[in-house]
Amino acid sequence: DKMHPVFGKVVDGMDVVDKIGKAKTGSMDKPLKEVVIVKAKVIS
């Protein structure tokens, strides 16, 4: 969205990233329902 920079690469689960991106938001672009990333990995 050119407003929230993110550094990294999604190697699996892009459908989940898209779903998070489509979450309805309220004031200050905050999601109306809590969005929680339960698990993430650093691959080097």
N, C-alpha and C. Protein backbone atom coordinates (compact mmCIF):
# COMPACT_ATOMS: atom_id res chain seq x y z
N ASP A 1 0.82 -1.21 0.00
CA ASP A 1 0.00 0.00 0.00
C ASP A 1 0.86 1.26 0.00
N LYS A 2 2.15 1.12 -0.04
CA LYS A 2 3.11 2.24 -0.09
C LYS A 2 3.06 3.13 1.14
N MET A 3 2.43 2.64 2.23
CA MET A 3 2.36 3.41 3.47
C MET A 3 3.02 2.68 4.63
N HIS A 4 3.08 1.36 4.56
CA HIS A 4 3.60 0.56 5.67
C HIS A 4 4.71 -0.35 5.14
N PRO A 5 5.97 0.10 5.20
CA PRO A 5 7.06 -0.72 4.65
C PRO A 5 7.28 -2.00 5.44
N VAL A 6 7.52 -3.07 4.71
CA VAL A 6 7.79 -4.37 5.31
C VAL A 6 9.02 -4.93 4.61
N PHE A 7 9.93 -5.48 5.39
CA PHE A 7 11.14 -6.06 4.82
C PHE A 7 11.11 -7.55 5.05
N GLY A 8 11.18 -8.32 4.00
CA GLY A 8 11.17 -9.76 4.11
C GLY A 8 10.59 -10.38 2.86
N LYS A 9 10.43 -11.69 2.90
CA LYS A 9 9.90 -12.42 1.77
C LYS A 9 8.99 -13.53 2.28
N VAL A 10 7.81 -13.60 1.74
CA VAL A 10 6.87 -14.67 2.09
C VAL A 10 7.18 -15.85 1.18
N VAL A 11 7.53 -17.00 1.78
CA VAL A 11 7.83 -18.19 0.98
C VAL A 11 6.68 -19.19 1.00
N ASP A 12 5.74 -19.03 1.92
CA ASP A 12 4.58 -19.91 2.00
C ASP A 12 3.48 -19.18 2.77
N GLY A 13 2.26 -19.32 2.34
CA GLY A 13 1.15 -18.71 3.06
C GLY A 13 0.75 -17.33 2.59
N MET A 14 1.03 -17.02 1.31
CA MET A 14 0.67 -15.70 0.80
C MET A 14 -0.84 -15.46 0.89
N ASP A 15 -1.63 -16.53 0.86
CA ASP A 15 -3.08 -16.37 1.00
C ASP A 15 -3.44 -15.76 2.35
N VAL A 16 -2.66 -16.11 3.37
CA VAL A 16 -2.89 -15.56 4.71
C VAL A 16 -2.51 -14.08 4.73
N VAL A 17 -1.40 -13.74 4.09
CA VAL A 17 -0.98 -12.34 4.01
C VAL A 17 -2.05 -11.51 3.31
N ASP A 18 -2.59 -12.04 2.23
CA ASP A 18 -3.65 -11.33 1.51
C ASP A 18 -4.88 -11.13 2.39
N LYS A 19 -5.23 -12.15 3.16
CA LYS A 19 -6.39 -12.06 4.06
C LYS A 19 -6.17 -10.98 5.13
N ILE A 20 -4.96 -10.93 5.68
CA ILE A 20 -4.64 -9.89 6.67
C ILE A 20 -4.77 -8.51 6.02
N GLY A 21 -4.27 -8.39 4.80
CA GLY A 21 -4.33 -7.11 4.09
C GLY A 21 -5.74 -6.64 3.79
N LYS A 22 -6.69 -7.57 3.74
CA LYS A 22 -8.08 -7.22 3.44
C LYS A 22 -8.93 -7.00 4.69
N ALA A 23 -8.31 -7.09 5.86
CA ALA A 23 -9.05 -6.89 7.11
C ALA A 23 -9.64 -5.48 7.15
N LYS A 24 -10.88 -5.38 7.58
CA LYS A 24 -11.52 -4.07 7.70
C LYS A 24 -10.83 -3.28 8.79
N THR A 25 -10.65 -1.99 8.54
CA THR A 25 -9.94 -1.13 9.48
C THR A 25 -10.80 0.05 9.91
N GLY A 26 -10.42 0.62 11.05
CA GLY A 26 -11.10 1.79 11.57
C GLY A 26 -10.16 2.98 11.54
N SER A 27 -10.25 3.79 12.57
CA SER A 27 -9.42 5.00 12.63
C SER A 27 -7.94 4.63 12.66
N MET A 28 -7.17 5.47 12.03
CA MET A 28 -5.71 5.30 11.94
C MET A 28 -5.33 3.96 11.32
N ASP A 29 -6.19 3.41 10.46
CA ASP A 29 -5.93 2.18 9.71
C ASP A 29 -5.73 0.97 10.60
N LYS A 30 -6.28 1.00 11.81
CA LYS A 30 -6.17 -0.12 12.76
C LYS A 30 -7.26 -1.14 12.45
N PRO A 31 -6.89 -2.44 12.37
CA PRO A 31 -7.92 -3.46 12.11
C PRO A 31 -9.02 -3.44 13.18
N LEU A 32 -10.27 -3.63 12.74
CA LEU A 32 -11.39 -3.64 13.67
C LEU A 32 -11.37 -4.89 14.54
N LYS A 33 -10.90 -6.00 13.98
CA LYS A 33 -10.72 -7.23 14.75
C LYS A 33 -9.22 -7.48 14.88
N GLU A 34 -8.80 -7.96 16.03
CA GLU A 34 -7.38 -8.20 16.29
C GLU A 34 -6.80 -9.18 15.27
N VAL A 35 -5.63 -8.85 14.73
CA VAL A 35 -4.90 -9.72 13.81
C VAL A 35 -3.64 -10.17 14.53
N VAL A 36 -3.46 -11.49 14.63
CA VAL A 36 -2.32 -12.05 15.36
C VAL A 36 -1.56 -13.01 14.45
N ILE A 37 -0.25 -12.81 14.34
CA ILE A 37 0.61 -13.77 13.64
C ILE A 37 1.13 -14.71 14.71
N VAL A 38 0.71 -15.97 14.63
CA VAL A 38 1.02 -16.95 15.67
C VAL A 38 2.42 -17.52 15.50
N LYS A 39 2.86 -17.68 14.25
CA LYS A 39 4.16 -18.30 14.02
C LYS A 39 4.84 -17.67 12.81
N ALA A 40 6.12 -17.37 12.95
CA ALA A 40 6.93 -16.86 11.85
C ALA A 40 8.33 -17.43 12.01
N LYS A 41 9.02 -17.58 10.90
CA LYS A 41 10.38 -18.13 10.94
C LYS A 41 11.34 -17.20 10.22
N VAL A 42 12.58 -17.19 10.68
CA VAL A 42 13.65 -16.49 10.00
C VAL A 42 14.46 -17.54 9.27
N ILE A 43 14.57 -17.40 7.97
CA ILE A 43 15.33 -18.35 7.16
C ILE A 43 16.52 -17.59 6.59
N SER A 44 17.70 -18.10 6.84
CA SER A 44 18.89 -17.42 6.31
C SER A 44 19.72 -18.34 5.46
